[in-house]
Amino acid sequence: MEQIRIYEPNKHLKQGINIWKEMFQELYEFRELIWRLFARDISAKYKQSILGNVWCLLMPFVAIGTFMYLNHAGILHIRQTSMPYPLYALIGLSVWQIFATGLNSGANSLVGAGDLVTKVNFPREVLVIASMAQSVFEFLIKSVLILVFFFIFKFAPSWKIIFFPIVLLPLCFLTIGLSLLLSLLNGVMRDIGNIVSLLLMFLMFLTPVLYPVPANHFLLLKLNFLSPLINAPREIIADGTIHQPLYFGIASVISLLIFLMAWRIFHLVETKIPERI
């Protein structure tokens, strides 16, 4: 028998909890589109670049080298770290760039899609997820460099490194959730993309990415729930334990709630997106 689908105004508001089943089903049905958008973005990003993927390895070297010089010159004082500092900074910066790159590209994903959003009918959140996949891909490239640093500095990570992807999940949920919200705002006010880039630059220095958390860490560092999300993956590699499990648990719950709330809001206003882009 043929299935008859009836369209009516605000139908998605009347489905209640069943809307979540529809949202997950849509993502599964469009999984191939996510892959193709991801491949397109990666190809376009490095298409006419001489160094190609090497660029995502050069940027961490510049940042780490700058901090090492400032520490050596006495301008900054970086405390003792749980692993050789270059390795400590590389892991922290690689994890941070999952968030920063994913948020930056995700916020611009709808605006950058152009006619694809206005002329083709598909769940628009796949654009944000494809941009997130791009930042994860760049992290996988950096992970090769991290393995090289393990050999150079003769550092043996904890066997609990196998839990690294699980500990990284809350940060990915937070990134996708914020990207969904910011991509909507960017469609209404195009300045959002530039504001996000500016805020990420300041936020990086307020988050212990390239330095360990001070013993008497100040209030801003306590309120910044990105801190445990950045530190926990590094701590799992260093000694196989999360030093502040409660703090990390609270940050993880907040990240998951932001993701679910943002995805629901995005799905509610999805039909209005083509009118604003």
C-alpha atoms as a PDB file:
ATOM      1  CA  MET A   1       0.000   0.000   0.000  1.00  0.00           C
ATOM      2  CA  GLU A   2       1.148   3.513  -0.751  1.00  0.00           C
ATOM      3  CA  GLN A   3       2.061   5.679   2.173  1.00  0.00           C
ATOM      4  CA  ILE A   4       0.361   9.066   2.113  1.00  0.00           C
ATOM      5  CA  ARG A   5       2.306  11.916   3.704  1.00  0.00           C
ATOM      6  CA  ILE A   6       0.254  14.959   4.623  1.00  0.00           C
ATOM      7  CA  TYR A   7       2.017  18.308   4.923  1.00  0.00           C
ATOM      8  CA  GLU A   8       0.501  20.957   7.150  1.00  0.00           C
ATOM      9  CA  PRO A   9       1.748  24.169   8.819  1.00  0.00           C
ATOM     10  CA  ASN A  10       3.821  23.688  11.973  1.00  0.00           C
ATOM     11  CA  LYS A  11       3.477  19.899  11.773  1.00  0.00           C
ATOM     12  CA  HIS A  12       6.890  19.495  13.385  1.00  0.00           C
ATOM     13  CA  LEU A  13       5.572  21.267  16.496  1.00  0.00           C
ATOM     14  CA  LYS A  14       2.882  18.622  16.958  1.00  0.00           C
ATOM     15  CA  GLN A  15       5.054  15.529  16.774  1.00  0.00           C
ATOM     16  CA  GLY A  16       6.441  15.805  20.296  1.00  0.00           C
ATOM     17  CA  ILE A  17       9.203  13.369  21.147  1.00  0.00           C
ATOM     18  CA  ASN A  18       8.746  11.523  17.843  1.00  0.00           C
ATOM     19  CA  ILE A  19      10.480  14.398  16.092  1.00  0.00           C
ATOM     20  CA  TRP A  20      13.815  13.071  17.391  1.00  0.00           C
ATOM     21  CA  LYS A  21      13.296   9.808  15.540  1.00  0.00           C
ATOM     22  CA  GLU A  22      12.674  11.764  12.345  1.00  0.00           C
ATOM     23  CA  MET A  23      15.777  13.916  12.877  1.00  0.00           C
ATOM     24  CA  PHE A  24      18.085  10.933  13.372  1.00  0.00           C
ATOM     25  CA  GLN A  25      16.479   9.119  10.449  1.00  0.00           C
ATOM     26  CA  GLU A  26      17.075  12.101   8.159  1.00  0.00           C
ATOM     27  CA  LEU A  27      20.756  12.206   9.079  1.00  0.00           C
ATOM     28  CA  TYR A  28      21.108   8.495   8.368  1.00  0.00           C
ATOM     29  CA  GLU A  29      19.369   8.793   4.993  1.00  0.00           C
ATOM     30  CA  PHE A  30      21.646  11.683   3.960  1.00  0.00           C
ATOM     31  CA  ARG A  31      24.903  10.132   5.210  1.00  0.00           C
ATOM     32  CA  GLU A  32      26.259   9.905   1.648  1.00  0.00           C
ATOM     33  CA  LEU A  33      25.588  13.623   1.126  1.00  0.00           C
ATOM     34  CA  ILE A  34      27.569  14.395   4.298  1.00  0.00           C
ATOM     35  CA  TRP A  35      30.476  12.399   2.904  1.00  0.00           C
ATOM     36  CA  ARG A  36      30.337  14.122  -0.495  1.00  0.00           C
ATOM     37  CA  LEU A  37      30.155  17.596   1.074  1.00  0.00           C
ATOM     38  CA  PHE A  38      33.103  16.745   3.321  1.00  0.00           C
ATOM     39  CA  ALA A  39      35.160  15.512   0.330  1.00  0.00           C
ATOM     40  CA  ARG A  40      34.214  18.641  -1.644  1.00  0.00           C
ATOM     41  CA  ASP A  41      35.270  20.987   1.170  1.00  0.00           C
ATOM     42  CA  ILE A  42      38.608  19.249   1.722  1.00  0.00           C
ATOM     43  CA  SER A  43      39.354  19.254  -2.006  1.00  0.00           C
ATOM     44  CA  ALA A  44      38.435  22.933  -2.374  1.00  0.00           C
ATOM     45  CA  LYS A  45      40.479  23.970   0.659  1.00  0.00           C
ATOM     46  CA  TYR A  46      43.761  22.493  -0.580  1.00  0.00           C
ATOM     47  CA  LYS A  47      43.124  22.441  -4.341  1.00  0.00           C
ATOM     48  CA  GLN A  48      45.490  25.269  -5.337  1.00  0.00           C
ATOM     49  CA  SER A  49      47.755  25.088  -2.304  1.00  0.00           C
ATOM     50  CA  ILE A  50      51.393  24.120  -2.862  1.00  0.00           C
ATOM     51  CA  LEU A  51      51.870  22.685   0.623  1.00  0.00           C
ATOM     52  CA  GLY A  52      48.362  21.229   0.846  1.00  0.00           C
ATOM     53  CA  ASN A  53      47.662  19.419   4.125  1.00  0.00           C
ATOM     54  CA  VAL A  54      51.088  20.440   5.458  1.00  0.00           C
ATOM     55  CA  TRP A  55      49.539  23.809   6.391  1.00  0.00           C
ATOM     56  CA  CYS A  56      47.554  22.231   9.218  1.00  0.00           C
ATOM     57  CA  LEU A  57      50.890  20.954  10.630  1.00  0.00           C
ATOM     58  CA  LEU A  58      52.777  24.247  10.266  1.00  0.00           C
ATOM     59  CA  MET A  59      50.343  26.315  12.340  1.00  0.00           C
ATOM     60  CA  PRO A  60      50.866  24.284  15.566  1.00  0.00           C
ATOM     61  CA  PHE A  61      54.655  24.580  15.134  1.00  0.00           C
ATOM     62  CA  VAL A  62      54.395  28.369  14.921  1.00  0.00           C
ATOM     63  CA  ALA A  63      52.226  28.625  18.051  1.00  0.00           C
ATOM     64  CA  ILE A  64      54.311  26.144  20.072  1.00  0.00           C
ATOM     65  CA  GLY A  65      57.585  27.775  18.975  1.00  0.00           C
ATOM     66  CA  THR A  66      56.290  31.196  20.032  1.00  0.00           C
ATOM     67  CA  PHE A  67      55.340  30.003  23.517  1.00  0.00           C
ATOM     68  CA  MET A  68      58.657  28.158  23.933  1.00  0.00           C
ATOM     69  CA  TYR A  69      60.564  31.307  22.996  1.00  0.00           C
ATOM     70  CA  LEU A  70      58.515  33.475  25.394  1.00  0.00           C
ATOM     71  CA  ASN A  71      59.117  30.945  28.175  1.00  0.00           C
ATOM     72  CA  HIS A  72      62.849  30.758  27.439  1.00  0.00           C
ATOM     73  CA  ALA A  73      63.115  34.569  27.337  1.00  0.00           C
ATOM     74  CA  GLY A  74      61.419  34.827  30.728  1.00  0.00           C
ATOM     75  CA  ILE A  75      58.421  36.746  29.407  1.00  0.00           C
ATOM     76  CA  LEU A  76      56.124  33.868  30.334  1.00  0.00           C
ATOM     77  CA  HIS A  77      56.576  31.289  33.064  1.00  0.00           C
ATOM     78  CA  ILE A  78      55.127  27.898  32.131  1.00  0.00           C
ATOM     79  CA  ARG A  79      54.996  25.399  34.996  1.00  0.00           C
ATOM     80  CA  GLN A  80      56.212  21.832  34.801  1.00  0.00           C
ATOM     81  CA  THR A  81      53.982  19.715  32.554  1.00  0.00           C
ATOM     82  CA  SER A  82      53.089  16.025  32.731  1.00  0.00           C
ATOM     83  CA  MET A  83      54.969  15.375  29.472  1.00  0.00           C
ATOM     84  CA  PRO A  84      57.650  17.202  27.431  1.00  0.00           C
ATOM     85  CA  TYR A  85      56.271  20.665  26.726  1.00  0.00           C
ATOM     86  CA  PRO A  86      56.320  20.485  22.888  1.00  0.00           C
ATOM     87  CA  LEU A  87      54.238  17.293  23.069  1.00  0.00           C
ATOM     88  CA  TYR A  88      51.963  18.770  25.760  1.00  0.00           C
ATOM     89  CA  ALA A  89      51.343  21.879  23.666  1.00  0.00           C
ATOM     90  CA  LEU A  90      50.879  19.934  20.420  1.00  0.00           C
ATOM     91  CA  ILE A  91      48.165  17.683  21.892  1.00  0.00           C
ATOM     92  CA  GLY A  92      46.388  20.629  23.512  1.00  0.00           C
ATOM     93  CA  LEU A  93      46.509  22.720  20.351  1.00  0.00           C
ATOM     94  CA  SER A  94      45.345  19.816  18.174  1.00  0.00           C
ATOM     95  CA  VAL A  95      42.337  19.221  20.441  1.00  0.00           C
ATOM     96  CA  TRP A  96      41.600  22.957  20.567  1.00  0.00           C
ATOM     97  CA  GLN A  97      41.620  23.231  16.783  1.00  0.00           C
ATOM     98  CA  ILE A  98      38.889  20.587  16.557  1.00  0.00           C
ATOM     99  CA  PHE A  99      36.723  23.109  18.383  1.00  0.00           C
ATOM    100  CA  ALA A 100      38.044  26.281  16.737  1.00  0.00           C
ATOM    101  CA  THR A 101      38.139  25.008  13.133  1.00  0.00           C
ATOM    102  CA  GLY A 102      34.812  23.223  13.480  1.00  0.00           C
ATOM    103  CA  LEU A 103      33.103  26.275  14.983  1.00  0.00           C
ATOM    104  CA  ASN A 104      34.552  28.692  12.436  1.00  0.00           C
ATOM    105  CA  SER A 105      33.674  26.608   9.392  1.00  0.00           C
ATOM    106  CA  GLY A 106      30.333  25.524  10.872  1.00  0.00           C
ATOM    107  CA  ALA A 107      29.239  29.107  11.485  1.00  0.00           C
ATOM    108  CA  ASN A 108      29.863  29.890   7.806  1.00  0.00           C
ATOM    109  CA  SER A 109      28.531  26.612   6.385  1.00  0.00           C
ATOM    110  CA  LEU A 110      25.028  27.797   5.470  1.00  0.00           C
ATOM    111  CA  VAL A 111      26.136  31.139   4.043  1.00  0.00           C
ATOM    112  CA  GLY A 112      28.931  29.478   2.067  1.00  0.00           C
ATOM    113  CA  ALA A 113      26.605  26.886   0.538  1.00  0.00           C
ATOM    114  CA  GLY A 114      24.762  29.526  -1.515  1.00  0.00           C
ATOM    115  CA  ASP A 115      22.377  28.072  -4.125  1.00  0.00           C
ATOM    116  CA  LEU A 116      22.654  24.616  -2.583  1.00  0.00           C
ATOM    117  CA  VAL A 117      20.585  25.852   0.382  1.00  0.00           C
ATOM    118  CA  THR A 118      18.027  27.806  -1.608  1.00  0.00           C
ATOM    119  CA  LYS A 119      17.434  25.426  -4.536  1.00  0.00           C
ATOM    120  CA  VAL A 120      17.909  21.899  -3.150  1.00  0.00           C
ATOM    121  CA  ASN A 121      15.708  20.287  -0.498  1.00  0.00           C
ATOM    122  CA  PHE A 122      17.751  18.431   2.133  1.00  0.00           C
ATOM    123  CA  PRO A 123      18.289  18.685   5.917  1.00  0.00           C
ATOM    124  CA  ARG A 124      20.602  21.689   6.226  1.00  0.00           C
ATOM    125  CA  GLU A 125      22.311  20.415   9.361  1.00  0.00           C
ATOM    126  CA  VAL A 126      24.327  18.073   7.150  1.00  0.00           C
ATOM    127  CA  LEU A 127      26.298  21.161   6.048  1.00  0.00           C
ATOM    128  CA  VAL A 128      27.334  21.849   9.632  1.00  0.00           C
ATOM    129  CA  ILE A 129      28.189  18.204  10.295  1.00  0.00           C
ATOM    130  CA  ALA A 130      30.263  18.031   7.091  1.00  0.00           C
ATOM    131  CA  SER A 131      32.241  21.080   8.222  1.00  0.00           C
ATOM    132  CA  MET A 132      32.815  19.389  11.597  1.00  0.00           C
ATOM    133  CA  ALA A 133      34.105  16.300   9.792  1.00  0.00           C
ATOM    134  CA  GLN A 134      36.684  18.544   8.133  1.00  0.00           C
ATOM    135  CA  SER A 135      38.152  19.592  11.502  1.00  0.00           C
ATOM    136  CA  VAL A 136      38.243  15.938  12.668  1.00  0.00           C
ATOM    137  CA  PHE A 137      40.071  15.002   9.452  1.00  0.00           C
ATOM    138  CA  GLU A 138      42.701  17.671  10.113  1.00  0.00           C
ATOM    139  CA  PHE A 139      43.089  16.330  13.653  1.00  0.00           C
ATOM    140  CA  LEU A 140      43.793  12.863  12.258  1.00  0.00           C
ATOM    141  CA  ILE A 141      46.606  14.381  10.185  1.00  0.00           C
ATOM    142  CA  LYS A 142      48.022  16.039  13.324  1.00  0.00           C
ATOM    143  CA  SER A 143      47.769  12.741  15.218  1.00  0.00           C
ATOM    144  CA  VAL A 144      50.486  11.357  12.932  1.00  0.00           C
ATOM    145  CA  LEU A 145      52.734  14.202  14.096  1.00  0.00           C
ATOM    146  CA  ILE A 146      51.811  13.431  17.720  1.00  0.00           C
ATOM    147  CA  LEU A 147      52.936   9.830  17.223  1.00  0.00           C
ATOM    148  CA  VAL A 148      56.233  11.095  15.805  1.00  0.00           C
ATOM    149  CA  PHE A 149      56.684  13.285  18.903  1.00  0.00           C
ATOM    150  CA  PHE A 150      56.108  10.217  21.115  1.00  0.00           C
ATOM    151  CA  PHE A 151      59.188   8.628  19.516  1.00  0.00           C
ATOM    152  CA  ILE A 152      61.276  11.813  19.474  1.00  0.00           C
ATOM    153  CA  PHE A 153      60.754  12.525  23.181  1.00  0.00           C
ATOM    154  CA  LYS A 154      60.629   8.818  24.133  1.00  0.00           C
ATOM    155  CA  PHE A 155      57.302   9.315  25.850  1.00  0.00           C
ATOM    156  CA  ALA A 156      55.102   6.276  26.495  1.00  0.00           C
ATOM    157  CA  PRO A 157      51.412   7.213  26.711  1.00  0.00           C
ATOM    158  CA  SER A 158      49.052   5.460  29.101  1.00  0.00           C
ATOM    159  CA  TRP A 159      47.264   2.370  27.782  1.00  0.00           C
ATOM    160  CA  LYS A 160      44.040   4.252  28.500  1.00  0.00           C
ATOM    161  CA  ILE A 161      44.712   6.281  25.373  1.00  0.00           C
ATOM    162  CA  ILE A 162      42.166   3.915  23.777  1.00  0.00           C
ATOM    163  CA  PHE A 163      39.477   5.962  25.590  1.00  0.00           C
ATOM    164  CA  PHE A 164      40.719   9.164  23.943  1.00  0.00           C
ATOM    165  CA  PRO A 165      37.931   9.275  21.273  1.00  0.00           C
ATOM    166  CA  ILE A 166      35.265   8.840  23.982  1.00  0.00           C
ATOM    167  CA  VAL A 167      36.689  11.671  26.092  1.00  0.00           C
ATOM    168  CA  LEU A 168      36.787  13.830  22.967  1.00  0.00           C
ATOM    169  CA  LEU A 169      33.055  13.348  22.213  1.00  0.00           C
ATOM    170  CA  PRO A 170      31.714  16.108  24.544  1.00  0.00           C
ATOM    171  CA  LEU A 171      33.906  18.682  22.784  1.00  0.00           C
ATOM    172  CA  CYS A 172      32.572  17.512  19.405  1.00  0.00           C
ATOM    173  CA  PHE A 173      28.960  17.755  20.635  1.00  0.00           C
ATOM    174  CA  LEU A 174      29.615  21.270  21.924  1.00  0.00           C
ATOM    175  CA  THR A 175      31.203  22.312  18.633  1.00  0.00           C
ATOM    176  CA  ILE A 176      28.323  21.012  16.514  1.00  0.00           C
ATOM    177  CA  GLY A 177      25.717  22.528  18.838  1.00  0.00           C
ATOM    178  CA  LEU A 178      27.269  26.002  18.824  1.00  0.00           C
ATOM    179  CA  SER A 179      27.865  25.754  15.062  1.00  0.00           C
ATOM    180  CA  LEU A 180      24.164  25.028  14.448  1.00  0.00           C
ATOM    181  CA  LEU A 181      23.143  28.130  16.387  1.00  0.00           C
ATOM    182  CA  LEU A 182      25.833  30.394  14.933  1.00  0.00           C
ATOM    183  CA  SER A 183      25.118  29.275  11.361  1.00  0.00           C
ATOM    184  CA  LEU A 184      21.515  30.437  11.824  1.00  0.00           C
ATOM    185  CA  LEU A 185      22.612  33.773  13.274  1.00  0.00           C
ATOM    186  CA  ASN A 186      25.167  34.205  10.502  1.00  0.00           C
ATOM    187  CA  GLY A 187      22.393  33.869   7.931  1.00  0.00           C
ATOM    188  CA  VAL A 188      20.629  36.861   9.512  1.00  0.00           C
ATOM    189  CA  MET A 189      23.685  38.950  10.436  1.00  0.00           C
ATOM    190  CA  ARG A 190      26.782  38.259   8.335  1.00  0.00           C
ATOM    191  CA  ASP A 191      29.101  39.822  10.915  1.00  0.00           C
ATOM    192  CA  ILE A 192      28.775  36.699  13.064  1.00  0.00           C
ATOM    193  CA  GLY A 193      31.518  34.890  11.100  1.00  0.00           C
ATOM    194  CA  ASN A 194      34.049  37.647  11.838  1.00  0.00           C
ATOM    195  CA  ILE A 195      32.947  37.914  15.469  1.00  0.00           C
ATOM    196  CA  VAL A 196      33.452  34.166  15.953  1.00  0.00           C
ATOM    197  CA  SER A 197      37.012  34.330  14.571  1.00  0.00           C
ATOM    198  CA  LEU A 198      37.840  37.235  16.896  1.00  0.00           C
ATOM    199  CA  LEU A 199      36.351  35.586  19.977  1.00  0.00           C
ATOM    200  CA  LEU A 200      38.134  32.296  19.318  1.00  0.00           C
ATOM    201  CA  MET A 201      41.474  34.091  19.329  1.00  0.00           C
ATOM    202  CA  PHE A 202      40.848  35.548  22.801  1.00  0.00           C
ATOM    203  CA  LEU A 203      39.183  32.385  24.107  1.00  0.00           C
ATOM    204  CA  MET A 204      42.243  30.324  23.239  1.00  0.00           C
ATOM    205  CA  PHE A 205      44.375  32.345  25.695  1.00  0.00           C
ATOM    206  CA  LEU A 206      41.692  32.033  28.399  1.00  0.00           C
ATOM    207  CA  THR A 207      41.740  28.243  27.999  1.00  0.00           C
ATOM    208  CA  PRO A 208      44.725  26.113  29.144  1.00  0.00           C
ATOM    209  CA  VAL A 209      45.634  24.987  25.640  1.00  0.00           C
ATOM    210  CA  LEU A 210      49.347  25.861  25.613  1.00  0.00           C
ATOM    211  CA  TYR A 211      49.913  26.070  29.365  1.00  0.00           C
ATOM    212  CA  PRO A 212      48.955  23.953  32.410  1.00  0.00           C
ATOM    213  CA  VAL A 213      46.219  25.131  34.753  1.00  0.00           C
ATOM    214  CA  PRO A 214      47.800  27.267  37.502  1.00  0.00           C
ATOM    215  CA  ALA A 215      47.546  25.951  41.070  1.00  0.00           C
ATOM    216  CA  ASN A 216      45.550  29.039  42.106  1.00  0.00           C
ATOM    217  CA  HIS A 217      43.596  29.319  38.862  1.00  0.00           C
ATOM    218  CA  PHE A 218      41.518  32.448  38.654  1.00  0.00           C
ATOM    219  CA  LEU A 219      37.745  32.746  38.295  1.00  0.00           C
ATOM    220  CA  LEU A 220      37.623  33.025  34.492  1.00  0.00           C
ATOM    221  CA  LEU A 221      39.441  29.712  34.184  1.00  0.00           C
ATOM    222  CA  LYS A 222      36.951  28.082  36.552  1.00  0.00           C
ATOM    223  CA  LEU A 223      33.955  29.427  34.660  1.00  0.00           C
ATOM    224  CA  ASN A 224      35.372  28.381  31.297  1.00  0.00           C
ATOM    225  CA  PHE A 225      33.960  24.855  30.900  1.00  0.00           C
ATOM    226  CA  LEU A 226      36.141  24.408  27.806  1.00  0.00           C
ATOM    227  CA  SER A 227      39.069  23.894  30.181  1.00  0.00           C
ATOM    228  CA  PRO A 228      38.161  20.334  31.301  1.00  0.00           C
ATOM    229  CA  LEU A 229      37.112  19.423  27.747  1.00  0.00           C
ATOM    230  CA  ILE A 230      40.603  20.366  26.494  1.00  0.00           C
ATOM    231  CA  ASN A 231      42.535  18.988  29.474  1.00  0.00           C
ATOM    232  CA  ALA A 232      40.765  15.629  29.872  1.00  0.00           C
ATOM    233  CA  PRO A 233      41.921  14.122  26.520  1.00  0.00           C
ATOM    234  CA  ARG A 234      45.489  15.231  27.277  1.00  0.00           C
ATOM    235  CA  GLU A 235      45.342  13.800  30.805  1.00  0.00           C
ATOM    236  CA  ILE A 236      44.090  10.456  29.483  1.00  0.00           C
ATOM    237  CA  ILE A 237      47.177  10.281  27.263  1.00  0.00           C
ATOM    238  CA  ALA A 238      49.605  11.439  29.982  1.00  0.00           C
ATOM    239  CA  ASP A 239      48.648   9.320  32.995  1.00  0.00           C
ATOM    240  CA  GLY A 240      45.366   7.606  32.130  1.00  0.00           C
ATOM    241  CA  THR A 241      43.175   9.564  34.528  1.00  0.00           C
ATOM    242  CA  ILE A 242      41.012  12.691  34.481  1.00  0.00           C
ATOM    243  CA  HIS A 243      42.201  14.961  37.295  1.00  0.00           C
ATOM    244  CA  GLN A 244      38.843  16.701  37.790  1.00  0.00           C
ATOM    245  CA  PRO A 245      36.192  14.100  36.865  1.00  0.00           C
ATOM    246  CA  LEU A 246      33.283  16.064  38.385  1.00  0.00           C
ATOM    247  CA  TYR A 247      34.254  19.233  36.527  1.00  0.00           C
ATOM    248  CA  PHE A 248      34.602  17.232  33.309  1.00  0.00           C
ATOM    249  CA  GLY A 249      31.245  15.494  33.899  1.00  0.00           C
ATOM    250  CA  ILE A 250      29.432  18.809  34.379  1.00  0.00           C
ATOM    251  CA  ALA A 251      31.052  20.253  31.238  1.00  0.00           C
ATOM    252  CA  SER A 252      30.095  17.123  29.280  1.00  0.00           C
ATOM    253  CA  VAL A 253      26.447  17.329  30.354  1.00  0.00           C
ATOM    254  CA  ILE A 254      26.319  21.036  29.455  1.00  0.00           C
ATOM    255  CA  SER A 255      27.844  20.266  26.049  1.00  0.00           C
ATOM    256  CA  LEU A 256      25.302  17.523  25.331  1.00  0.00           C
ATOM    257  CA  LEU A 257      22.384  19.754  26.384  1.00  0.00           C
ATOM    258  CA  ILE A 258      23.658  22.579  24.154  1.00  0.00           C
ATOM    259  CA  PHE A 259      23.896  20.145  21.240  1.00  0.00           C
ATOM    260  CA  LEU A 260      20.364  18.746  21.706  1.00  0.00           C
ATOM    261  CA  MET A 261      18.827  22.181  22.245  1.00  0.00           C
ATOM    262  CA  ALA A 262      20.632  23.678  19.233  1.00  0.00           C
ATOM    263  CA  TRP A 263      19.698  20.780  16.963  1.00  0.00           C
ATOM    264  CA  ARG A 264      16.038  21.061  17.987  1.00  0.00           C
ATOM    265  CA  ILE A 265      15.985  24.816  17.375  1.00  0.00           C
ATOM    266  CA  PHE A 266      17.738  24.359  14.033  1.00  0.00           C
ATOM    267  CA  HIS A 267      15.188  21.761  12.961  1.00  0.00           C
ATOM    268  CA  LEU A 268      12.293  24.022  13.964  1.00  0.00           C
ATOM    269  CA  VAL A 269      13.459  26.963  11.835  1.00  0.00           C
ATOM    270  CA  GLU A 270      14.947  24.898   9.013  1.00  0.00           C
ATOM    271  CA  THR A 271      12.134  25.716   6.580  1.00  0.00           C
ATOM    272  CA  LYS A 272      12.861  29.435   7.011  1.00  0.00           C
ATOM    273  CA  ILE A 273      16.582  29.151   6.210  1.00  0.00           C
ATOM    274  CA  PRO A 274      16.312  29.577   2.408  1.00  0.00           C
ATOM    275  CA  GLU A 275      14.426  32.850   2.920  1.00  0.00           C
ATOM    276  CA  ARG A 276      17.321  34.321   4.946  1.00  0.00           C
ATOM    277  CA  ILE A 277      20.352  33.107   3.020  1.00  0.00           C
END
